[in-house]
N, C-alpha and C. Protein backbone atom coordinates (compact mmCIF):
# COMPACT_ATOMS: atom_id res chain seq x y z
N UNK A 1 129.01 84.29 55.89
CA UNK A 1 129.56 84.42 57.23
C UNK A 1 128.82 83.50 58.20
N UNK A 2 127.49 83.44 58.06
CA UNK A 2 126.70 82.58 58.95
C UNK A 2 127.06 81.12 58.75
N UNK A 3 127.34 80.74 57.48
CA UNK A 3 127.71 79.36 57.18
C UNK A 3 129.03 79.01 57.86
N UNK A 4 130.00 79.92 57.81
CA UNK A 4 131.29 79.68 58.44
C UNK A 4 131.13 79.53 59.94
N UNK A 5 130.31 80.38 60.55
CA UNK A 5 130.07 80.30 61.98
C UNK A 5 129.40 78.99 62.33
N UNK A 6 128.42 78.58 61.51
CA UNK A 6 127.71 77.33 61.75
C UNK A 6 128.67 76.14 61.63
N UNK A 7 129.54 76.16 60.62
CA UNK A 7 130.50 75.06 60.43
C UNK A 7 131.48 74.99 61.59
N UNK A 8 131.99 76.14 62.03
CA UNK A 8 132.95 76.11 63.13
C UNK A 8 132.27 75.69 64.43
N UNK A 9 131.02 76.08 64.62
CA UNK A 9 130.28 75.64 65.82
C UNK A 9 130.05 74.14 65.78
N UNK A 10 129.74 73.61 64.58
CA UNK A 10 129.53 72.17 64.43
C UNK A 10 130.84 71.42 64.69
N UNK A 11 131.95 71.95 64.16
CA UNK A 11 133.25 71.33 64.38
C UNK A 11 133.61 71.38 65.86
N UNK A 12 133.33 72.51 66.52
CA UNK A 12 133.60 72.66 67.95
C UNK A 12 132.80 71.65 68.75
N UNK A 13 131.50 71.49 68.41
CA UNK A 13 130.65 70.54 69.12
C UNK A 13 131.16 69.12 68.91
N UNK A 14 131.51 68.80 67.66
CA UNK A 14 132.02 67.46 67.35
C UNK A 14 133.33 67.20 68.09
N UNK A 15 134.19 68.22 68.15
CA UNK A 15 135.46 68.08 68.83
C UNK A 15 135.26 67.82 70.31
N UNK A 16 134.38 68.58 70.95
CA UNK A 16 134.15 68.37 72.38
C UNK A 16 133.46 67.03 72.63
N UNK A 17 132.63 66.61 71.67
CA UNK A 17 131.95 65.32 71.78
C UNK A 17 132.95 64.19 71.83
N UNK A 18 134.03 64.31 71.08
CA UNK A 18 134.98 63.22 70.95
C UNK A 18 136.17 63.33 71.90
N UNK A 19 136.28 64.42 72.66
CA UNK A 19 137.41 64.55 73.59
C UNK A 19 137.45 63.40 74.59
N UNK A 20 136.33 63.09 75.21
CA UNK A 20 136.27 62.00 76.17
C UNK A 20 136.54 60.65 75.53
N UNK A 21 136.01 60.48 74.32
CA UNK A 21 136.23 59.22 73.60
C UNK A 21 137.71 59.07 73.22
N UNK A 22 138.33 60.18 72.85
CA UNK A 22 139.75 60.12 72.50
C UNK A 22 140.58 59.72 73.72
N UNK A 23 140.27 60.30 74.87
CA UNK A 23 141.00 59.93 76.09
C UNK A 23 140.78 58.45 76.41
N UNK A 24 139.55 57.98 76.22
CA UNK A 24 139.25 56.57 76.47
C UNK A 24 140.05 55.68 75.52
N UNK A 25 140.11 56.05 74.24
CA UNK A 25 140.85 55.28 73.25
C UNK A 25 142.35 55.28 73.56
N UNK A 26 142.89 56.44 73.94
CA UNK A 26 144.32 56.51 74.26
C UNK A 26 144.67 55.67 75.49
N UNK A 27 143.79 55.70 76.49
CA UNK A 27 144.01 54.87 77.68
C UNK A 27 143.97 53.39 77.30
N UNK A 28 142.97 53.02 76.50
CA UNK A 28 142.85 51.62 76.07
C UNK A 28 144.05 51.20 75.23
N UNK A 29 144.54 52.12 74.40
CA UNK A 29 145.72 51.85 73.57
C UNK A 29 146.93 51.54 74.44
N UNK A 30 147.16 52.36 75.47
CA UNK A 30 148.29 52.12 76.37
C UNK A 30 148.14 50.78 77.09
N UNK A 31 146.92 50.49 77.59
CA UNK A 31 146.69 49.24 78.30
C UNK A 31 146.95 48.04 77.40
N UNK A 32 146.39 48.08 76.19
CA UNK A 32 146.55 46.96 75.27
C UNK A 32 148.01 46.78 74.85
N UNK A 33 148.69 47.87 74.60
CA UNK A 33 150.10 47.80 74.21
C UNK A 33 150.91 47.13 75.33
N UNK A 34 150.68 47.56 76.56
CA UNK A 34 151.39 46.97 77.69
C UNK A 34 151.05 45.49 77.85
N UNK A 35 149.77 45.14 77.70
CA UNK A 35 149.35 43.74 77.84
C UNK A 35 149.97 42.87 76.76
N UNK A 36 149.91 43.32 75.51
CA UNK A 36 150.45 42.54 74.40
C UNK A 36 151.95 42.34 74.58
N UNK A 37 152.67 43.42 74.90
CA UNK A 37 154.12 43.30 75.07
C UNK A 37 154.45 42.40 76.26
N UNK A 38 153.71 42.54 77.35
CA UNK A 38 153.94 41.70 78.52
C UNK A 38 153.69 40.23 78.23
N UNK A 39 152.59 39.93 77.55
CA UNK A 39 152.27 38.53 77.22
C UNK A 39 153.30 37.95 76.27
N UNK A 40 153.76 38.76 75.32
CA UNK A 40 154.77 38.28 74.38
C UNK A 40 156.08 37.97 75.11
N UNK A 41 156.45 38.83 76.06
CA UNK A 41 157.65 38.56 76.86
C UNK A 41 157.50 37.26 77.65
N UNK A 42 156.32 37.07 78.24
CA UNK A 42 156.07 35.86 79.03
C UNK A 42 156.14 34.60 78.17
N UNK A 43 155.54 34.66 76.98
CA UNK A 43 155.56 33.50 76.08
C UNK A 43 156.99 33.18 75.67
N UNK A 44 157.76 34.22 75.36
CA UNK A 44 159.16 33.99 74.98
C UNK A 44 159.95 33.40 76.14
N UNK A 45 159.74 33.93 77.33
CA UNK A 45 160.47 33.44 78.50
C UNK A 45 160.07 32.00 78.82
N UNK A 46 158.77 31.70 78.74
CA UNK A 46 158.30 30.34 79.04
C UNK A 46 158.68 29.35 77.95
N UNK A 47 158.88 29.83 76.73
CA UNK A 47 159.21 28.96 75.62
C UNK A 47 160.57 28.30 75.76
N UNK A 48 161.43 28.93 76.55
CA UNK A 48 162.77 28.39 76.71
C UNK A 48 162.88 27.35 77.82
N UNK A 49 161.82 27.10 78.54
CA UNK A 49 161.86 26.14 79.64
C UNK A 49 162.04 24.73 79.10
N UNK A 50 162.73 23.94 79.86
CA UNK A 50 162.97 22.55 79.49
C UNK A 50 161.68 21.74 79.59
N UNK A 51 161.44 20.91 78.58
CA UNK A 51 160.26 20.04 78.59
C UNK A 51 160.66 18.58 78.77
N UNK A 52 161.92 18.36 78.92
CA UNK A 52 162.40 16.98 79.05
C UNK A 52 161.81 16.28 80.26
N UNK A 53 161.50 17.02 81.30
CA UNK A 53 161.02 16.41 82.54
C UNK A 53 159.50 16.23 82.55
N UNK A 54 158.83 16.66 81.51
CA UNK A 54 157.37 16.55 81.44
C UNK A 54 156.97 15.25 80.76
N UNK A 55 155.93 14.61 81.29
CA UNK A 55 155.41 13.44 80.58
C UNK A 55 154.51 13.92 79.44
N UNK A 56 154.00 12.99 78.67
CA UNK A 56 153.22 13.34 77.48
C UNK A 56 151.98 14.16 77.83
N UNK A 57 151.29 13.81 78.90
CA UNK A 57 150.10 14.54 79.31
C UNK A 57 150.41 15.96 79.74
N UNK A 58 151.48 16.11 80.52
CA UNK A 58 151.88 17.45 80.96
C UNK A 58 152.34 18.30 79.79
N UNK A 59 153.04 17.70 78.88
CA UNK A 59 153.52 18.42 77.70
C UNK A 59 152.34 18.90 76.86
N UNK A 60 151.33 18.04 76.72
CA UNK A 60 150.14 18.40 75.96
C UNK A 60 149.41 19.56 76.62
N UNK A 61 149.34 19.52 77.95
CA UNK A 61 148.69 20.60 78.70
C UNK A 61 149.43 21.92 78.51
N UNK A 62 150.76 21.87 78.51
CA UNK A 62 151.58 23.07 78.30
C UNK A 62 151.33 23.61 76.89
N UNK A 63 151.25 22.71 75.90
CA UNK A 63 150.99 23.14 74.52
C UNK A 63 149.64 23.84 74.41
N UNK A 64 148.63 23.30 75.06
CA UNK A 64 147.30 23.91 75.03
C UNK A 64 147.34 25.28 75.67
N UNK A 65 148.01 25.40 76.80
CA UNK A 65 148.11 26.69 77.50
C UNK A 65 148.83 27.70 76.62
N UNK A 66 149.88 27.29 75.93
CA UNK A 66 150.60 28.18 75.03
C UNK A 66 149.71 28.63 73.88
N UNK A 67 148.92 27.71 73.34
CA UNK A 67 147.99 28.05 72.26
C UNK A 67 146.98 29.09 72.73
N UNK A 68 146.49 28.92 73.95
CA UNK A 68 145.53 29.89 74.51
C UNK A 68 146.18 31.25 74.67
N UNK A 69 147.40 31.26 75.19
CA UNK A 69 148.13 32.54 75.36
C UNK A 69 148.34 33.23 74.02
N UNK A 70 148.72 32.46 73.00
CA UNK A 70 148.93 33.05 71.68
C UNK A 70 147.63 33.58 71.09
N UNK A 71 146.53 32.86 71.32
CA UNK A 71 145.23 33.34 70.84
C UNK A 71 144.84 34.64 71.54
N UNK A 72 145.11 34.72 72.84
CA UNK A 72 144.83 35.96 73.58
C UNK A 72 145.67 37.12 73.06
N UNK A 73 146.93 36.86 72.77
CA UNK A 73 147.80 37.90 72.21
C UNK A 73 147.25 38.37 70.88
N UNK A 74 146.81 37.43 70.04
CA UNK A 74 146.27 37.79 68.74
C UNK A 74 145.00 38.64 68.89
N UNK A 75 144.10 38.24 69.79
CA UNK A 75 142.86 39.00 69.99
C UNK A 75 143.17 40.41 70.49
N UNK A 76 144.08 40.53 71.44
CA UNK A 76 144.44 41.84 71.96
C UNK A 76 145.14 42.68 70.90
N UNK A 77 145.94 42.05 70.06
CA UNK A 77 146.61 42.77 68.97
C UNK A 77 145.59 43.30 67.96
N UNK A 78 144.58 42.49 67.66
CA UNK A 78 143.54 42.93 66.73
C UNK A 78 142.75 44.09 67.32
N UNK A 79 142.45 44.02 68.61
CA UNK A 79 141.74 45.12 69.26
C UNK A 79 142.61 46.37 69.27
N UNK A 80 143.90 46.21 69.53
CA UNK A 80 144.83 47.34 69.51
C UNK A 80 144.84 47.98 68.12
N UNK A 81 144.83 47.16 67.08
CA UNK A 81 144.80 47.69 65.72
C UNK A 81 143.53 48.52 65.49
N UNK A 82 142.39 48.03 65.97
CA UNK A 82 141.13 48.76 65.83
C UNK A 82 141.18 50.09 66.58
N UNK A 83 141.76 50.08 67.76
CA UNK A 83 141.90 51.31 68.54
C UNK A 83 142.81 52.30 67.82
N UNK A 84 143.93 51.81 67.28
CA UNK A 84 144.84 52.68 66.52
C UNK A 84 144.15 53.29 65.31
N UNK A 85 143.34 52.48 64.62
CA UNK A 85 142.60 52.98 63.46
C UNK A 85 141.57 54.05 63.88
N UNK A 86 140.91 53.83 65.01
CA UNK A 86 139.95 54.82 65.51
C UNK A 86 140.65 56.13 65.83
N UNK A 87 141.82 56.05 66.45
CA UNK A 87 142.58 57.27 66.75
C UNK A 87 143.03 57.97 65.47
N UNK A 88 143.39 57.20 64.46
CA UNK A 88 143.76 57.79 63.17
C UNK A 88 142.57 58.52 62.55
N UNK A 89 141.38 57.88 62.63
CA UNK A 89 140.17 58.52 62.09
C UNK A 89 139.83 59.78 62.88
N UNK A 90 140.09 59.77 64.18
CA UNK A 90 139.87 60.98 64.98
C UNK A 90 140.76 62.11 64.48
N UNK A 91 142.02 61.81 64.21
CA UNK A 91 142.95 62.82 63.70
C UNK A 91 142.55 63.30 62.32
N UNK A 92 142.02 62.38 61.50
CA UNK A 92 141.60 62.73 60.14
C UNK A 92 140.27 63.48 60.10
N UNK A 93 139.52 63.42 61.21
CA UNK A 93 138.21 64.07 61.24
C UNK A 93 137.09 63.20 60.69
N UNK A 94 137.35 61.90 60.51
CA UNK A 94 136.32 61.01 59.97
C UNK A 94 135.74 60.10 61.06
N UNK A 95 136.22 60.24 62.28
CA UNK A 95 135.76 59.40 63.38
C UNK A 95 134.29 59.67 63.67
N UNK A 96 133.55 58.61 63.95
CA UNK A 96 132.15 58.75 64.33
C UNK A 96 131.19 58.74 63.16
N UNK A 97 131.71 58.59 61.95
CA UNK A 97 130.85 58.49 60.77
C UNK A 97 130.82 57.05 60.29
N UNK A 98 129.62 56.59 59.95
CA UNK A 98 129.43 55.22 59.50
C UNK A 98 130.11 55.00 58.16
N UNK A 99 130.83 53.89 58.02
CA UNK A 99 131.49 53.54 56.76
C UNK A 99 130.48 53.31 55.64
N UNK A 100 129.28 52.83 55.99
CA UNK A 100 128.29 52.46 54.99
C UNK A 100 127.45 53.65 54.53
N UNK A 101 126.79 54.32 55.48
CA UNK A 101 125.83 55.37 55.12
C UNK A 101 126.35 56.78 55.38
N UNK A 102 127.50 56.91 56.02
CA UNK A 102 128.15 58.17 56.33
C UNK A 102 127.39 59.02 57.35
N UNK A 103 126.34 58.46 57.98
CA UNK A 103 125.66 59.16 59.06
C UNK A 103 126.52 59.10 60.31
N UNK A 104 126.21 59.96 61.28
CA UNK A 104 126.94 59.92 62.55
C UNK A 104 126.54 58.69 63.34
N UNK A 105 127.53 58.05 63.93
CA UNK A 105 127.28 56.91 64.82
C UNK A 105 126.87 57.48 66.17
N UNK A 106 125.85 56.90 66.77
CA UNK A 106 125.34 57.39 68.05
C UNK A 106 126.44 57.39 69.10
N UNK A 107 126.45 58.43 69.92
CA UNK A 107 127.48 58.55 70.95
C UNK A 107 127.44 57.38 71.93
N UNK A 108 126.23 56.91 72.24
CA UNK A 108 126.12 55.77 73.16
C UNK A 108 126.82 54.54 72.57
N UNK A 109 126.69 54.34 71.27
CA UNK A 109 127.36 53.21 70.62
C UNK A 109 128.88 53.38 70.67
N UNK A 110 129.34 54.61 70.43
CA UNK A 110 130.78 54.86 70.47
C UNK A 110 131.33 54.72 71.88
N UNK A 111 130.55 55.06 72.88
CA UNK A 111 131.01 54.89 74.27
C UNK A 111 131.12 53.40 74.60
N UNK A 112 130.19 52.61 74.09
CA UNK A 112 130.22 51.17 74.34
C UNK A 112 131.29 50.47 73.51
N UNK A 113 131.46 50.92 72.27
CA UNK A 113 132.41 50.32 71.35
C UNK A 113 133.13 51.47 70.62
N UNK A 114 134.13 52.07 71.26
CA UNK A 114 134.72 53.30 70.73
C UNK A 114 135.39 53.17 69.36
N UNK A 115 135.63 51.96 68.91
CA UNK A 115 136.24 51.79 67.58
C UNK A 115 135.21 51.31 66.55
N UNK A 116 133.92 51.50 66.85
CA UNK A 116 132.87 51.10 65.91
C UNK A 116 133.03 51.87 64.59
N UNK A 117 132.79 51.18 63.48
CA UNK A 117 132.92 51.82 62.16
C UNK A 117 131.58 51.92 61.44
N UNK A 118 130.54 51.31 62.01
CA UNK A 118 129.21 51.35 61.41
C UNK A 118 128.18 51.76 62.46
N UNK A 119 127.12 52.43 61.99
CA UNK A 119 126.01 52.74 62.89
C UNK A 119 125.26 51.44 63.19
N UNK A 120 124.39 51.50 64.16
CA UNK A 120 123.67 50.30 64.60
C UNK A 120 122.90 49.65 63.45
N UNK A 121 122.19 50.46 62.67
CA UNK A 121 121.38 49.91 61.57
C UNK A 121 122.23 49.23 60.51
N UNK A 122 123.32 49.87 60.11
CA UNK A 122 124.19 49.28 59.08
C UNK A 122 124.90 48.03 59.59
N UNK A 123 125.28 48.03 60.87
CA UNK A 123 125.93 46.84 61.45
C UNK A 123 124.94 45.68 61.50
N UNK A 124 123.69 45.96 61.88
CA UNK A 124 122.67 44.91 61.91
C UNK A 124 122.43 44.36 60.51
N UNK A 125 122.36 45.25 59.52
CA UNK A 125 122.15 44.80 58.14
C UNK A 125 123.31 43.93 57.67
N UNK A 126 124.54 44.31 58.02
CA UNK A 126 125.71 43.52 57.65
C UNK A 126 125.69 42.16 58.33
N UNK A 127 125.33 42.12 59.61
CA UNK A 127 125.26 40.85 60.34
C UNK A 127 124.16 39.96 59.77
N UNK A 128 123.00 40.54 59.43
CA UNK A 128 121.92 39.76 58.84
C UNK A 128 122.33 39.17 57.50
N UNK A 129 123.01 39.97 56.69
CA UNK A 129 123.48 39.47 55.39
C UNK A 129 124.49 38.34 55.58
N UNK A 130 125.38 38.48 56.55
CA UNK A 130 126.37 37.43 56.82
C UNK A 130 125.68 36.16 57.31
N UNK A 131 124.66 36.31 58.15
CA UNK A 131 123.90 35.14 58.63
C UNK A 131 123.18 34.44 57.48
N UNK A 132 122.57 35.23 56.59
CA UNK A 132 121.89 34.64 55.43
C UNK A 132 122.89 33.89 54.56
N UNK A 133 124.04 34.47 54.34
CA UNK A 133 125.08 33.83 53.52
C UNK A 133 125.55 32.53 54.17
N UNK A 134 125.71 32.54 55.48
CA UNK A 134 126.13 31.34 56.21
C UNK A 134 125.07 30.25 56.10
N UNK A 135 123.80 30.64 56.23
CA UNK A 135 122.71 29.67 56.12
C UNK A 135 122.64 29.09 54.71
N UNK A 136 122.84 29.93 53.71
CA UNK A 136 122.83 29.44 52.33
C UNK A 136 123.99 28.47 52.09
N UNK A 137 125.15 28.78 52.65
CA UNK A 137 126.31 27.91 52.48
C UNK A 137 126.06 26.56 53.17
N UNK A 138 125.41 26.59 54.34
CA UNK A 138 125.09 25.35 55.04
C UNK A 138 124.09 24.52 54.24
N UNK A 139 123.10 25.20 53.65
CA UNK A 139 122.11 24.48 52.83
C UNK A 139 122.77 23.87 51.61
N UNK A 140 123.68 24.62 50.98
CA UNK A 140 124.39 24.07 49.81
C UNK A 140 125.22 22.87 50.22
N UNK A 141 125.87 22.96 51.38
CA UNK A 141 126.67 21.84 51.88
C UNK A 141 125.82 20.63 52.18
N UNK A 142 124.66 20.84 52.81
CA UNK A 142 123.76 19.74 53.14
C UNK A 142 123.19 19.13 51.89
N UNK A 143 122.86 19.94 50.90
CA UNK A 143 122.30 19.43 49.65
C UNK A 143 123.33 18.58 48.92
N UNK A 144 124.60 19.03 48.92
CA UNK A 144 125.62 18.25 48.21
C UNK A 144 125.89 16.94 48.93
N UNK A 145 125.72 16.89 50.25
CA UNK A 145 125.90 15.63 50.96
C UNK A 145 124.84 14.63 50.54
N UNK A 146 123.59 15.09 50.44
CA UNK A 146 122.51 14.20 50.04
C UNK A 146 122.66 13.80 48.58
N UNK A 147 123.12 14.73 47.76
CA UNK A 147 123.31 14.45 46.34
C UNK A 147 124.38 13.38 46.17
N UNK A 148 125.49 13.52 46.89
CA UNK A 148 126.58 12.56 46.78
C UNK A 148 126.16 11.19 47.28
N UNK A 149 125.31 11.14 48.28
CA UNK A 149 124.89 9.87 48.88
C UNK A 149 124.02 9.07 47.92
N UNK A 150 123.30 9.74 47.03
CA UNK A 150 122.39 9.03 46.12
C UNK A 150 123.10 8.55 44.87
N UNK A 151 124.26 9.02 44.58
CA UNK A 151 124.96 8.59 43.36
C UNK A 151 125.66 7.30 43.53
């Protein structure tokens, strides 16, 4: 009986802990959805404009601006996907647990990055490993350049 009470108290505490984060995620989800849909409408509307009156420089500038807009849409879409996944994990009861070590992610980290999937230590370890791999790849690339030059 004590175990059941302890589990329900822990679930209650976890639930109240995440209520504010859930509201934050839902608000962010609505904002991102509206932004992505609005930007997509704007790109579609602007795409139909005549370019016949633009010189080569102006046309190039328009192309660059369109590329920037599409990159922004992609970034916001990726963030929206992360927010949707965080909300799914909240519904599943797995939100706030590190993917790597399964420990609880600190509330301060979740408030700063509500769709975080790793605790601070595991994220740092992953970033360090990625940096080491990048450095090794650069060294291999530099070594092959010198090797090719001597042949």
